[in-house]
Amino acid sequence: MPTEADVLTLGQWLSPSFPVGAFAYSHGLEAAVADGHVRDAEGLRGWLCDVLELGTGRCDAILLGAAARAAPAEWDGIDAAARAFAASRERLVEADRQGRAFARTTSAVWGLDVPALTLPVAVGAAAGLRGLPVTLTAAMYLQAFTGNLVQAAQRLAPVGQTEGQSVLAALTPLCQAIAAEAAEAPLEALASAAFLSDVAAMRHETMETRIFVS
């Protein structure tokens, strides 16, 4: 059973204040809004549901779980799979830079020997070293990922703060369900069918005016 200390540690690692620069990335959502795929809170909820269930969300949970269970010598192989599954250059930049920042901070504050890995692998590796519950870590990771995209949508689309929180609350059970299944899945289960999200990530690279890095 997770302890109060486990929850507080994960809450800190996955907080918007943790210095990974998550606020700078929209994961292609900026292009989706520009192209009219996300126009309101209902559209945002549908978009994020697909990203979580069919795309990055489930894949990240699998990678996180694999890293948490693995020995340090195995992290590079898991990280290579994460990099190979990046759907675009910007997606890889997003995962790489945030992972490096996460590893640097956890090393400085908690003394964890986590190398420069992509974000889901770095979080899983750190959780494994700290003995944190894998499913809880994955669920909180997915909620933080979703919350960051909700915050991005509030800057990009006509989605108010209350609507944004309603979307996040509605997707919390999905984060829990995906974490419960994917965090224990093998790397062979990696797959993605969120094609429009991947296209949006590629499309973002060619936009002339952009707020976000991805």
N, C-alpha and C. Protein backbone atom coordinates (compact mmCIF):
# COMPACT_ATOMS: atom_id res chain seq x y z
N MET A 1 0.85 -1.19 0.00
CA MET A 1 0.00 0.00 0.00
C MET A 1 0.88 1.24 0.00
N PRO A 2 0.51 2.26 -0.81
CA PRO A 2 1.31 3.48 -0.81
C PRO A 2 1.20 4.21 0.53
N THR A 3 2.29 4.80 0.95
CA THR A 3 2.29 5.58 2.17
C THR A 3 2.02 7.04 1.83
N GLU A 4 1.76 7.81 2.87
CA GLU A 4 1.57 9.24 2.68
C GLU A 4 2.81 9.88 2.09
N ALA A 5 3.99 9.39 2.51
CA ALA A 5 5.25 9.93 1.98
C ALA A 5 5.38 9.64 0.49
N ASP A 6 4.95 8.45 0.04
CA ASP A 6 4.98 8.11 -1.38
C ASP A 6 4.15 9.11 -2.19
N VAL A 7 2.95 9.35 -1.73
CA VAL A 7 2.04 10.25 -2.45
C VAL A 7 2.62 11.67 -2.50
N LEU A 8 3.19 12.12 -1.39
CA LEU A 8 3.75 13.47 -1.35
C LEU A 8 4.97 13.58 -2.26
N THR A 9 5.79 12.55 -2.30
CA THR A 9 6.95 12.58 -3.19
C THR A 9 6.52 12.64 -4.65
N LEU A 10 5.58 11.80 -5.02
CA LEU A 10 5.09 11.81 -6.40
C LEU A 10 4.38 13.13 -6.72
N GLY A 11 3.65 13.67 -5.74
CA GLY A 11 2.99 14.95 -5.95
C GLY A 11 4.00 16.04 -6.26
N GLN A 12 5.16 15.98 -5.60
CA GLN A 12 6.20 16.97 -5.86
C GLN A 12 6.85 16.75 -7.22
N TRP A 13 7.20 15.49 -7.52
CA TRP A 13 7.84 15.20 -8.80
C TRP A 13 6.97 15.59 -9.99
N LEU A 14 5.66 15.42 -9.85
CA LEU A 14 4.75 15.61 -10.98
C LEU A 14 3.96 16.91 -10.89
N SER A 15 4.40 17.79 -9.99
CA SER A 15 3.78 19.09 -9.83
C SER A 15 4.17 20.02 -10.98
N PRO A 16 3.30 20.97 -11.35
CA PRO A 16 3.68 21.96 -12.37
C PRO A 16 4.90 22.78 -11.96
N SER A 17 5.21 22.82 -10.65
CA SER A 17 6.36 23.61 -10.20
C SER A 17 7.68 22.85 -10.34
N PHE A 18 7.62 21.55 -10.63
CA PHE A 18 8.86 20.79 -10.78
C PHE A 18 9.57 21.26 -12.04
N PRO A 19 10.86 21.55 -11.96
CA PRO A 19 11.55 22.24 -13.07
C PRO A 19 11.89 21.37 -14.28
N VAL A 20 10.85 20.92 -14.98
CA VAL A 20 11.06 20.18 -16.23
C VAL A 20 10.58 20.98 -17.43
N GLY A 21 9.99 22.15 -17.19
CA GLY A 21 9.54 22.99 -18.30
C GLY A 21 8.34 22.45 -19.04
N ALA A 22 7.48 21.66 -18.36
CA ALA A 22 6.33 21.06 -19.04
C ALA A 22 5.40 22.10 -19.65
N PHE A 23 5.36 23.29 -19.05
CA PHE A 23 4.49 24.35 -19.54
C PHE A 23 4.83 24.79 -20.95
N ALA A 24 6.02 24.45 -21.43
CA ALA A 24 6.47 24.91 -22.75
C ALA A 24 6.02 24.00 -23.88
N TYR A 25 5.39 22.86 -23.54
CA TYR A 25 5.06 21.86 -24.55
C TYR A 25 3.56 21.62 -24.61
N SER A 26 3.02 21.57 -25.87
CA SER A 26 1.59 21.30 -26.03
C SER A 26 1.33 19.93 -26.64
N HIS A 27 2.41 19.18 -26.95
CA HIS A 27 2.25 17.82 -27.48
C HIS A 27 1.41 17.81 -28.76
N GLY A 28 1.58 18.85 -29.58
CA GLY A 28 0.84 18.94 -30.84
C GLY A 28 -0.52 19.58 -30.72
N LEU A 29 -0.95 19.87 -29.48
CA LEU A 29 -2.29 20.44 -29.28
C LEU A 29 -2.41 21.82 -29.94
N GLU A 30 -1.32 22.56 -29.97
CA GLU A 30 -1.37 23.88 -30.61
C GLU A 30 -1.75 23.77 -32.08
N ALA A 31 -1.20 22.80 -32.77
CA ALA A 31 -1.56 22.58 -34.17
C ALA A 31 -2.99 22.08 -34.29
N ALA A 32 -3.42 21.24 -33.36
CA ALA A 32 -4.80 20.72 -33.40
C ALA A 32 -5.81 21.84 -33.25
N VAL A 33 -5.51 22.80 -32.38
CA VAL A 33 -6.40 23.95 -32.21
C VAL A 33 -6.38 24.82 -33.46
N ALA A 34 -5.19 25.07 -33.99
CA ALA A 34 -5.06 25.91 -35.18
C ALA A 34 -5.80 25.31 -36.38
N ASP A 35 -5.81 24.00 -36.47
CA ASP A 35 -6.46 23.32 -37.60
C ASP A 35 -7.93 23.03 -37.35
N GLY A 36 -8.46 23.44 -36.19
CA GLY A 36 -9.87 23.29 -35.90
C GLY A 36 -10.30 21.94 -35.36
N HIS A 37 -9.36 21.10 -34.98
CA HIS A 37 -9.72 19.79 -34.43
C HIS A 37 -10.20 19.89 -32.99
N VAL A 38 -9.73 20.90 -32.27
CA VAL A 38 -10.16 21.14 -30.89
C VAL A 38 -10.69 22.56 -30.82
N ARG A 39 -12.00 22.70 -30.58
CA ARG A 39 -12.64 24.01 -30.59
C ARG A 39 -13.22 24.40 -29.24
N ASP A 40 -13.45 23.42 -28.37
CA ASP A 40 -14.10 23.70 -27.10
C ASP A 40 -13.76 22.61 -26.09
N ALA A 41 -14.37 22.67 -24.92
CA ALA A 41 -14.07 21.70 -23.87
C ALA A 41 -14.43 20.28 -24.28
N GLU A 42 -15.54 20.12 -24.98
CA GLU A 42 -15.94 18.78 -25.42
C GLU A 42 -14.93 18.20 -26.40
N GLY A 43 -14.47 19.03 -27.33
CA GLY A 43 -13.46 18.58 -28.27
C GLY A 43 -12.15 18.26 -27.59
N LEU A 44 -11.79 19.06 -26.59
CA LEU A 44 -10.57 18.81 -25.84
C LEU A 44 -10.64 17.47 -25.11
N ARG A 45 -11.78 17.21 -24.50
CA ARG A 45 -11.94 15.94 -23.77
C ARG A 45 -11.78 14.76 -24.71
N GLY A 46 -12.39 14.81 -25.88
CA GLY A 46 -12.27 13.72 -26.84
C GLY A 46 -10.84 13.55 -27.34
N TRP A 47 -10.17 14.67 -27.59
CA TRP A 47 -8.79 14.63 -28.07
C TRP A 47 -7.88 13.98 -27.02
N LEU A 48 -8.00 14.44 -25.79
CA LEU A 48 -7.14 13.91 -24.72
C LEU A 48 -7.45 12.46 -24.40
N CYS A 49 -8.71 12.08 -24.51
CA CYS A 49 -9.09 10.68 -24.29
C CYS A 49 -8.35 9.78 -25.27
N ASP A 50 -8.31 10.18 -26.54
CA ASP A 50 -7.61 9.38 -27.55
C ASP A 50 -6.11 9.35 -27.30
N VAL A 51 -5.53 10.51 -26.93
CA VAL A 51 -4.10 10.56 -26.66
C VAL A 51 -3.73 9.65 -25.50
N LEU A 52 -4.58 9.63 -24.47
CA LEU A 52 -4.32 8.79 -23.31
C LEU A 52 -4.49 7.31 -23.63
N GLU A 53 -5.62 6.98 -24.23
CA GLU A 53 -6.00 5.58 -24.39
C GLU A 53 -5.31 4.91 -25.57
N LEU A 54 -5.08 5.67 -26.65
CA LEU A 54 -4.59 5.08 -27.89
C LEU A 54 -3.19 5.53 -28.29
N GLY A 55 -2.65 6.52 -27.58
CA GLY A 55 -1.38 7.10 -28.00
C GLY A 55 -0.35 7.21 -26.89
N THR A 56 0.16 8.41 -26.71
CA THR A 56 1.28 8.65 -25.81
C THR A 56 1.00 8.21 -24.37
N GLY A 57 -0.22 8.44 -23.89
CA GLY A 57 -0.51 8.13 -22.50
C GLY A 57 -0.24 6.67 -22.17
N ARG A 58 -0.83 5.77 -22.91
CA ARG A 58 -0.64 4.34 -22.65
C ARG A 58 0.81 3.93 -22.87
N CYS A 59 1.44 4.44 -23.94
CA CYS A 59 2.83 4.10 -24.20
C CYS A 59 3.74 4.56 -23.07
N ASP A 60 3.53 5.78 -22.59
CA ASP A 60 4.36 6.29 -21.50
C ASP A 60 4.19 5.46 -20.24
N ALA A 61 2.97 5.02 -19.96
CA ALA A 61 2.73 4.19 -18.78
C ALA A 61 3.47 2.85 -18.90
N ILE A 62 3.49 2.28 -20.09
CA ILE A 62 4.22 1.03 -20.31
C ILE A 62 5.72 1.25 -20.09
N LEU A 63 6.25 2.32 -20.66
CA LEU A 63 7.68 2.63 -20.53
C LEU A 63 8.05 2.91 -19.08
N LEU A 64 7.21 3.66 -18.40
CA LEU A 64 7.44 3.98 -16.99
C LEU A 64 7.47 2.70 -16.15
N GLY A 65 6.49 1.84 -16.35
CA GLY A 65 6.43 0.61 -15.59
C GLY A 65 7.62 -0.29 -15.85
N ALA A 66 8.03 -0.37 -17.11
CA ALA A 66 9.18 -1.21 -17.46
C ALA A 66 10.44 -0.69 -16.79
N ALA A 67 10.64 0.62 -16.78
CA ALA A 67 11.83 1.21 -16.15
C ALA A 67 11.81 1.01 -14.65
N ALA A 68 10.63 1.12 -14.04
CA ALA A 68 10.52 0.96 -12.58
C ALA A 68 10.88 -0.45 -12.15
N ARG A 69 10.54 -1.43 -12.96
CA ARG A 69 10.81 -2.83 -12.62
C ARG A 69 12.23 -3.27 -13.00
N ALA A 70 12.89 -2.51 -13.86
CA ALA A 70 14.16 -2.93 -14.45
C ALA A 70 15.36 -2.59 -13.56
N ALA A 71 16.44 -3.31 -13.80
CA ALA A 71 17.72 -2.96 -13.20
C ALA A 71 18.31 -1.78 -13.98
N PRO A 72 19.15 -0.97 -13.35
CA PRO A 72 19.73 0.19 -14.04
C PRO A 72 20.40 -0.16 -15.37
N ALA A 73 20.99 -1.33 -15.48
CA ALA A 73 21.65 -1.73 -16.72
C ALA A 73 20.66 -1.87 -17.88
N GLU A 74 19.38 -2.01 -17.56
CA GLU A 74 18.36 -2.20 -18.60
C GLU A 74 17.71 -0.89 -19.04
N TRP A 75 17.99 0.20 -18.35
CA TRP A 75 17.32 1.45 -18.65
C TRP A 75 17.60 1.95 -20.07
N ASP A 76 18.84 1.79 -20.53
CA ASP A 76 19.19 2.29 -21.87
C ASP A 76 18.36 1.61 -22.95
N GLY A 77 18.12 0.33 -22.81
CA GLY A 77 17.31 -0.38 -23.79
C GLY A 77 15.87 0.09 -23.81
N ILE A 78 15.32 0.33 -22.62
CA ILE A 78 13.95 0.85 -22.53
C ILE A 78 13.89 2.26 -23.11
N ASP A 79 14.92 3.05 -22.83
CA ASP A 79 14.96 4.42 -23.35
C ASP A 79 15.07 4.42 -24.88
N ALA A 80 15.81 3.47 -25.43
CA ALA A 80 15.92 3.38 -26.88
C ALA A 80 14.55 3.10 -27.50
N ALA A 81 13.75 2.26 -26.85
CA ALA A 81 12.39 1.99 -27.34
C ALA A 81 11.54 3.25 -27.28
N ALA A 82 11.68 4.02 -26.21
CA ALA A 82 10.93 5.26 -26.08
C ALA A 82 11.28 6.23 -27.20
N ARG A 83 12.56 6.35 -27.50
CA ARG A 83 12.99 7.26 -28.56
C ARG A 83 12.52 6.78 -29.93
N ALA A 84 12.54 5.48 -30.13
CA ALA A 84 12.10 4.93 -31.42
C ALA A 84 10.61 5.17 -31.65
N PHE A 85 9.83 5.24 -30.57
CA PHE A 85 8.38 5.42 -30.69
C PHE A 85 7.97 6.89 -30.79
N ALA A 86 8.91 7.81 -30.67
CA ALA A 86 8.56 9.24 -30.82
C ALA A 86 8.06 9.49 -32.24
N ALA A 87 6.89 10.10 -32.35
CA ALA A 87 6.25 10.24 -33.66
C ALA A 87 6.81 11.38 -34.50
N SER A 88 7.59 12.26 -33.90
CA SER A 88 8.14 13.39 -34.64
C SER A 88 9.36 13.92 -33.91
N ARG A 89 10.09 14.81 -34.57
CA ARG A 89 11.27 15.40 -33.95
C ARG A 89 10.89 16.15 -32.69
N GLU A 90 9.81 16.92 -32.74
CA GLU A 90 9.40 17.71 -31.57
C GLU A 90 8.97 16.81 -30.41
N ARG A 91 8.33 15.70 -30.70
CA ARG A 91 7.94 14.77 -29.65
C ARG A 91 9.19 14.23 -28.94
N LEU A 92 10.23 13.95 -29.71
CA LEU A 92 11.46 13.45 -29.12
C LEU A 92 12.13 14.54 -28.28
N VAL A 93 12.14 15.75 -28.79
CA VAL A 93 12.71 16.88 -28.03
C VAL A 93 11.96 17.05 -26.70
N GLU A 94 10.64 16.98 -26.77
CA GLU A 94 9.79 17.12 -25.57
C GLU A 94 10.15 16.08 -24.52
N ALA A 95 10.23 14.81 -24.93
CA ALA A 95 10.53 13.74 -23.99
C ALA A 95 11.96 13.80 -23.49
N ASP A 96 12.90 14.14 -24.37
CA ASP A 96 14.31 14.16 -24.02
C ASP A 96 14.64 15.29 -23.05
N ARG A 97 14.21 16.50 -23.39
CA ARG A 97 14.56 17.64 -22.54
C ARG A 97 13.92 17.56 -21.17
N GLN A 98 12.66 17.14 -21.12
CA GLN A 98 12.00 17.02 -19.82
C GLN A 98 12.62 15.90 -19.00
N GLY A 99 12.99 14.81 -19.65
CA GLY A 99 13.62 13.71 -18.94
C GLY A 99 14.97 14.11 -18.36
N ARG A 100 15.75 14.84 -19.13
CA ARG A 100 17.05 15.32 -18.64
C ARG A 100 16.87 16.23 -17.43
N ALA A 101 15.89 17.12 -17.51
CA ALA A 101 15.64 18.05 -16.41
C ALA A 101 15.16 17.30 -15.17
N PHE A 102 14.30 16.31 -15.37
CA PHE A 102 13.81 15.51 -14.25
C PHE A 102 14.95 14.76 -13.58
N ALA A 103 15.81 14.12 -14.38
CA ALA A 103 16.93 13.36 -13.83
C ALA A 103 17.89 14.28 -13.08
N ARG A 104 18.15 15.44 -13.63
CA ARG A 104 19.06 16.40 -12.99
C ARG A 104 18.53 16.84 -11.63
N THR A 105 17.24 17.11 -11.55
CA THR A 105 16.65 17.60 -10.31
C THR A 105 16.57 16.51 -9.25
N THR A 106 16.13 15.32 -9.65
CA THR A 106 16.04 14.23 -8.67
C THR A 106 17.42 13.83 -8.17
N SER A 107 18.43 13.98 -9.01
CA SER A 107 19.79 13.70 -8.57
C SER A 107 20.26 14.72 -7.55
N ALA A 108 19.96 15.99 -7.80
CA ALA A 108 20.42 17.06 -6.91
C ALA A 108 19.69 17.05 -5.57
N VAL A 109 18.40 16.73 -5.60
CA VAL A 109 17.59 16.84 -4.38
C VAL A 109 17.53 15.53 -3.61
N TRP A 110 17.35 14.41 -4.32
CA TRP A 110 17.16 13.11 -3.66
C TRP A 110 18.39 12.21 -3.77
N GLY A 111 19.40 12.64 -4.51
CA GLY A 111 20.60 11.82 -4.65
C GLY A 111 20.39 10.57 -5.47
N LEU A 112 19.41 10.58 -6.37
CA LEU A 112 19.13 9.40 -7.20
C LEU A 112 20.03 9.39 -8.42
N ASP A 113 20.61 8.27 -8.71
CA ASP A 113 21.52 8.14 -9.85
C ASP A 113 20.74 7.75 -11.10
N VAL A 114 19.98 8.73 -11.61
CA VAL A 114 19.20 8.52 -12.83
C VAL A 114 19.87 9.28 -13.97
N PRO A 115 20.28 8.59 -15.03
CA PRO A 115 20.94 9.27 -16.14
C PRO A 115 19.95 10.06 -17.00
N ALA A 116 20.45 10.67 -18.05
CA ALA A 116 19.61 11.46 -18.96
C ALA A 116 18.78 10.51 -19.82
N LEU A 117 17.53 10.30 -19.42
CA LEU A 117 16.61 9.42 -20.12
C LEU A 117 15.40 10.22 -20.56
N THR A 118 14.60 9.68 -21.46
CA THR A 118 13.34 10.33 -21.80
C THR A 118 12.44 10.36 -20.55
N LEU A 119 11.49 11.28 -20.52
CA LEU A 119 10.74 11.54 -19.30
C LEU A 119 10.07 10.31 -18.68
N PRO A 120 9.26 9.54 -19.42
CA PRO A 120 8.59 8.41 -18.75
C PRO A 120 9.58 7.39 -18.20
N VAL A 121 10.70 7.20 -18.90
CA VAL A 121 11.70 6.25 -18.44
C VAL A 121 12.42 6.79 -17.20
N ALA A 122 12.72 8.08 -17.21
CA ALA A 122 13.37 8.70 -16.05
C ALA A 122 12.49 8.65 -14.82
N VAL A 123 11.19 8.93 -14.99
CA VAL A 123 10.27 8.88 -13.85
C VAL A 123 10.16 7.46 -13.33
N GLY A 124 10.05 6.49 -14.23
CA GLY A 124 9.97 5.10 -13.81
C GLY A 124 11.24 4.65 -13.11
N ALA A 125 12.40 5.04 -13.63
CA ALA A 125 13.66 4.67 -13.00
C ALA A 125 13.76 5.25 -11.59
N ALA A 126 13.39 6.51 -11.45
CA ALA A 126 13.44 7.15 -10.13
C ALA A 126 12.46 6.49 -9.17
N ALA A 127 11.28 6.17 -9.65
CA ALA A 127 10.29 5.51 -8.80
C ALA A 127 10.79 4.15 -8.34
N GLY A 128 11.45 3.43 -9.24
CA GLY A 128 12.00 2.13 -8.88
C GLY A 128 13.08 2.25 -7.81
N LEU A 129 13.94 3.24 -7.96
CA LEU A 129 15.00 3.44 -6.97
C LEU A 129 14.44 3.83 -5.61
N ARG A 130 13.34 4.55 -5.61
CA ARG A 130 12.72 4.98 -4.35
C ARG A 130 11.73 3.96 -3.81
N GLY A 131 11.46 2.91 -4.57
CA GLY A 131 10.51 1.90 -4.13
C GLY A 131 9.07 2.40 -4.12
N LEU A 132 8.74 3.32 -5.01
CA LEU A 132 7.38 3.87 -5.07
C LEU A 132 6.46 2.93 -5.84
N PRO A 133 5.18 2.88 -5.49
CA PRO A 133 4.24 1.98 -6.17
C PRO A 133 4.13 2.33 -7.66
N VAL A 134 4.31 1.34 -8.50
CA VAL A 134 4.37 1.58 -9.95
C VAL A 134 3.04 2.08 -10.50
N THR A 135 1.95 1.43 -10.12
CA THR A 135 0.65 1.84 -10.67
C THR A 135 0.27 3.24 -10.23
N LEU A 136 0.51 3.57 -8.97
CA LEU A 136 0.24 4.91 -8.48
C LEU A 136 1.11 5.93 -9.21
N THR A 137 2.38 5.61 -9.41
CA THR A 137 3.28 6.52 -10.13
C THR A 137 2.76 6.77 -11.54
N ALA A 138 2.36 5.70 -12.23
CA ALA A 138 1.86 5.85 -13.60
C ALA A 138 0.57 6.65 -13.65
N ALA A 139 -0.34 6.42 -12.69
CA ALA A 139 -1.60 7.15 -12.67
C ALA A 139 -1.37 8.64 -12.44
N MET A 140 -0.49 8.96 -11.51
CA MET A 140 -0.22 10.37 -11.22
C MET A 140 0.55 11.02 -12.36
N TYR A 141 1.40 10.25 -13.03
CA TYR A 141 2.11 10.75 -14.21
C TYR A 141 1.11 11.10 -15.31
N LEU A 142 0.16 10.22 -15.56
CA LEU A 142 -0.83 10.47 -16.61
C LEU A 142 -1.73 11.66 -16.27
N GLN A 143 -2.09 11.79 -15.00
CA GLN A 143 -2.91 12.93 -14.62
C GLN A 143 -2.13 14.23 -14.79
N ALA A 144 -0.84 14.23 -14.44
CA ALA A 144 -0.02 15.42 -14.61
C ALA A 144 0.14 15.76 -16.10
N PHE A 145 0.35 14.74 -16.93
CA PHE A 145 0.46 14.92 -18.37
C PHE A 145 -0.83 15.54 -18.92
N THR A 146 -1.96 15.00 -18.51
CA THR A 146 -3.26 15.52 -18.95
C THR A 146 -3.48 16.93 -18.45
N GLY A 147 -3.14 17.19 -17.20
CA GLY A 147 -3.30 18.52 -16.64
C GLY A 147 -2.49 19.55 -17.38
N ASN A 148 -1.29 19.19 -17.81
CA ASN A 148 -0.46 20.13 -18.56
C ASN A 148 -1.11 20.48 -19.89
N LEU A 149 -1.71 19.49 -20.55
CA LEU A 149 -2.36 19.75 -21.83
C LEU A 149 -3.66 20.54 -21.65
N VAL A 150 -4.35 20.33 -20.56
CA VAL A 150 -5.53 21.15 -20.25
C VAL A 150 -5.10 22.61 -20.08
N GLN A 151 -4.02 22.81 -19.37
CA GLN A 151 -3.51 24.17 -19.17
C GLN A 151 -3.11 24.80 -20.49
N ALA A 152 -2.50 24.02 -21.39
CA ALA A 152 -2.14 24.54 -22.71
C ALA A 152 -3.40 24.92 -23.48
N ALA A 153 -4.43 24.09 -23.40
CA ALA A 153 -5.67 24.37 -24.11
C ALA A 153 -6.32 25.66 -23.62
N GLN A 154 -6.18 25.95 -22.36
CA GLN A 154 -6.76 27.18 -21.82
C GLN A 154 -6.09 28.41 -22.41
N ARG A 155 -4.86 28.27 -22.84
CA ARG A 155 -4.16 29.39 -23.49
C ARG A 155 -4.47 29.45 -24.99
N LEU A 156 -4.87 28.34 -25.57
CA LEU A 156 -5.00 28.25 -27.02
C LEU A 156 -6.44 28.31 -27.53
N ALA A 157 -7.38 27.80 -26.74
CA ALA A 157 -8.76 27.63 -27.20
C ALA A 157 -9.73 28.27 -26.21
N PRO A 158 -10.98 28.44 -26.63
CA PRO A 158 -11.99 29.01 -25.71
C PRO A 158 -12.41 28.01 -24.65
N VAL A 159 -11.47 27.61 -23.80
CA VAL A 159 -11.74 26.69 -22.70
C VAL A 159 -11.41 27.41 -21.40
N GLY A 160 -12.42 27.63 -20.57
CA GLY A 160 -12.22 28.34 -19.31
C GLY A 160 -11.61 27.44 -18.24
N GLN A 161 -11.26 28.04 -17.12
CA GLN A 161 -10.62 27.29 -16.04
C GLN A 161 -11.55 26.23 -15.46
N THR A 162 -12.81 26.59 -15.25
CA THR A 162 -13.75 25.61 -14.70
C THR A 162 -13.98 24.48 -15.69
N GLU A 163 -14.13 24.82 -16.97
CA GLU A 163 -14.28 23.78 -18.00
C GLU A 163 -13.05 22.88 -18.04
N GLY A 164 -11.89 23.49 -17.94
CA GLY A 164 -10.65 22.72 -17.97
C GLY A 164 -10.57 21.73 -16.83
N GLN A 165 -10.95 22.17 -15.64
CA GLN A 165 -10.91 21.27 -14.50
C GLN A 165 -11.97 20.18 -14.62
N SER A 166 -13.08 20.48 -15.24
CA SER A 166 -14.10 19.46 -15.49
C SER A 166 -13.57 18.39 -16.44
N VAL A 167 -12.84 18.81 -17.46
CA VAL A 167 -12.23 17.85 -18.39
C VAL A 167 -11.23 16.97 -17.66
N LEU A 168 -10.38 17.59 -16.83
CA LEU A 168 -9.37 16.83 -16.11
C LEU A 168 -10.02 15.83 -15.14
N ALA A 169 -11.06 16.27 -14.44
CA ALA A 169 -11.75 15.37 -13.51
C ALA A 169 -12.40 14.21 -14.24
N ALA A 170 -12.96 14.49 -15.41
CA ALA A 170 -13.62 13.44 -16.18
C ALA A 170 -12.63 12.39 -16.69
N LEU A 171 -11.38 12.81 -16.91
CA LEU A 171 -10.39 11.90 -17.46
C LEU A 171 -9.57 11.19 -16.37
N THR A 172 -9.74 11.58 -15.12
CA THR A 172 -8.98 10.95 -14.04
C THR A 172 -9.23 9.44 -13.94
N PRO A 173 -10.48 8.97 -14.01
CA PRO A 173 -10.69 7.51 -13.99
C PRO A 173 -9.99 6.79 -15.14
N LEU A 174 -9.92 7.44 -16.29
CA LEU A 174 -9.23 6.83 -17.43
C LEU A 174 -7.73 6.73 -17.14
N CYS A 175 -7.16 7.76 -16.53
CA CYS A 175 -5.75 7.71 -16.14
C CYS A 175 -5.50 6.53 -15.20
N GLN A 176 -6.40 6.33 -14.26
CA GLN A 176 -6.26 5.21 -13.31
C GLN A 176 -6.36 3.87 -14.02
N ALA A 177 -7.31 3.74 -14.92
CA ALA A 177 -7.53 2.48 -15.62
C ALA A 177 -6.35 2.14 -16.52
N ILE A 178 -5.84 3.12 -17.24
CA ILE A 178 -4.69 2.89 -18.11
C ILE A 178 -3.47 2.51 -17.29
N ALA A 179 -3.26 3.20 -16.18
CA ALA A 179 -2.11 2.91 -15.33
C ALA A 179 -2.19 1.49 -14.78
N ALA A 180 -3.36 1.06 -14.37
CA ALA A 180 -3.53 -0.27 -13.79
C ALA A 180 -3.19 -1.37 -14.79
N GLU A 181 -3.48 -1.12 -16.06
CA GLU A 181 -3.22 -2.13 -17.09
C GLU A 181 -1.83 -1.98 -17.69
N ALA A 182 -1.46 -0.76 -18.05
CA ALA A 182 -0.24 -0.56 -18.83
C ALA A 182 1.03 -0.61 -18.00
N ALA A 183 0.98 -0.22 -16.75
CA ALA A 183 2.19 -0.17 -15.94
C ALA A 183 2.79 -1.55 -15.71
N GLU A 184 1.99 -2.60 -15.88
CA GLU A 184 2.48 -3.97 -15.71
C GLU A 184 2.70 -4.67 -17.05
N ALA A 185 2.44 -3.97 -18.15
CA ALA A 185 2.55 -4.59 -19.47
C ALA A 185 4.01 -4.63 -19.94
N PRO A 186 4.37 -5.60 -20.78
CA PRO A 186 5.74 -5.67 -21.32
C PRO A 186 5.95 -4.64 -22.42
N LEU A 187 7.20 -4.39 -22.76
CA LEU A 187 7.50 -3.43 -23.83
C LEU A 187 6.89 -3.86 -25.16
N GLU A 188 6.70 -5.16 -25.34
CA GLU A 188 6.10 -5.66 -26.58
C GLU A 188 4.68 -5.15 -26.79
N ALA A 189 4.07 -4.62 -25.72
CA ALA A 189 2.70 -4.10 -25.82
C ALA A 189 2.67 -2.67 -26.35
N LEU A 190 3.82 -2.05 -26.57
CA LEU A 190 3.84 -0.69 -27.09
C LEU A 190 3.16 -0.64 -28.46
N ALA A 191 2.22 0.30 -28.60
CA ALA A 191 1.51 0.48 -29.86
C ALA A 191 0.79 1.82 -29.79
N SER A 192 0.50 2.39 -30.95
CA SER A 192 -0.20 3.67 -30.97
C SER A 192 -1.16 3.72 -32.14
N ALA A 193 -2.36 4.25 -31.89
CA ALA A 193 -3.34 4.43 -32.95
C ALA A 193 -3.93 5.84 -32.91
N ALA A 194 -3.25 6.76 -32.22
CA ALA A 194 -3.72 8.16 -32.16
C ALA A 194 -3.08 8.93 -33.32
N PHE A 195 -3.49 8.56 -34.52
CA PHE A 195 -2.80 9.05 -35.72
C PHE A 195 -2.94 10.56 -35.90
N LEU A 196 -4.11 11.11 -35.61
CA LEU A 196 -4.30 12.54 -35.80
C LEU A 196 -3.44 13.34 -34.84
N SER A 197 -3.24 12.81 -33.63
CA SER A 197 -2.34 13.45 -32.67
C SER A 197 -0.92 13.46 -33.20
N ASP A 198 -0.49 12.35 -33.80
CA ASP A 198 0.86 12.27 -34.36
C ASP A 198 1.01 13.24 -35.54
N VAL A 199 -0.01 13.33 -36.38
CA VAL A 199 0.02 14.26 -37.51
C VAL A 199 0.09 15.70 -37.00
N ALA A 200 -0.66 15.99 -35.94
CA ALA A 200 -0.63 17.34 -35.36
C ALA A 200 0.77 17.68 -34.85
N ALA A 201 1.46 16.69 -34.26
CA ALA A 201 2.82 16.92 -33.79
C ALA A 201 3.75 17.23 -34.96
N MET A 202 3.58 16.54 -36.07
CA MET A 202 4.39 16.82 -37.26
C MET A 202 4.03 18.17 -37.87
N ARG A 203 2.74 18.46 -37.89
CA ARG A 203 2.26 19.72 -38.45
C ARG A 203 2.78 20.91 -37.64
N HIS A 204 2.92 20.74 -36.34
CA HIS A 204 3.38 21.83 -35.49
C HIS A 204 4.78 22.30 -35.89
N GLU A 205 5.60 21.38 -36.39
CA GLU A 205 6.96 21.73 -36.77
C GLU A 205 7.02 22.73 -37.91
N THR A 206 5.96 22.81 -38.69
CA THR A 206 5.95 23.69 -39.87
C THR A 206 5.15 24.97 -39.65
N MET A 207 4.55 25.15 -38.47
CA MET A 207 3.76 26.35 -38.22
C MET A 207 4.67 27.58 -38.13
N GLU A 208 4.26 28.67 -38.74
CA GLU A 208 5.09 29.88 -38.74
C GLU A 208 5.03 30.60 -37.41
N THR A 209 3.85 30.60 -36.78
CA THR A 209 3.68 31.27 -35.49
C THR A 209 3.32 30.23 -34.44
N ARG A 210 4.15 30.15 -33.40
CA ARG A 210 3.93 29.13 -32.37
C ARG A 210 4.18 29.71 -30.98
N ILE A 211 3.40 29.25 -30.02
CA ILE A 211 3.61 29.61 -28.62
C ILE A 211 4.45 28.53 -27.93
N PHE A 212 4.18 27.27 -28.27
CA PHE A 212 4.78 26.15 -27.58
C PHE A 212 5.92 25.53 -28.40
N VAL A 213 6.79 24.79 -27.73
CA VAL A 213 7.91 24.12 -28.37
C VAL A 213 7.43 22.91 -29.17
N SER A 214 6.36 22.29 -28.72
CA SER A 214 5.83 21.11 -29.44
C SER A 214 4.31 21.20 -29.55
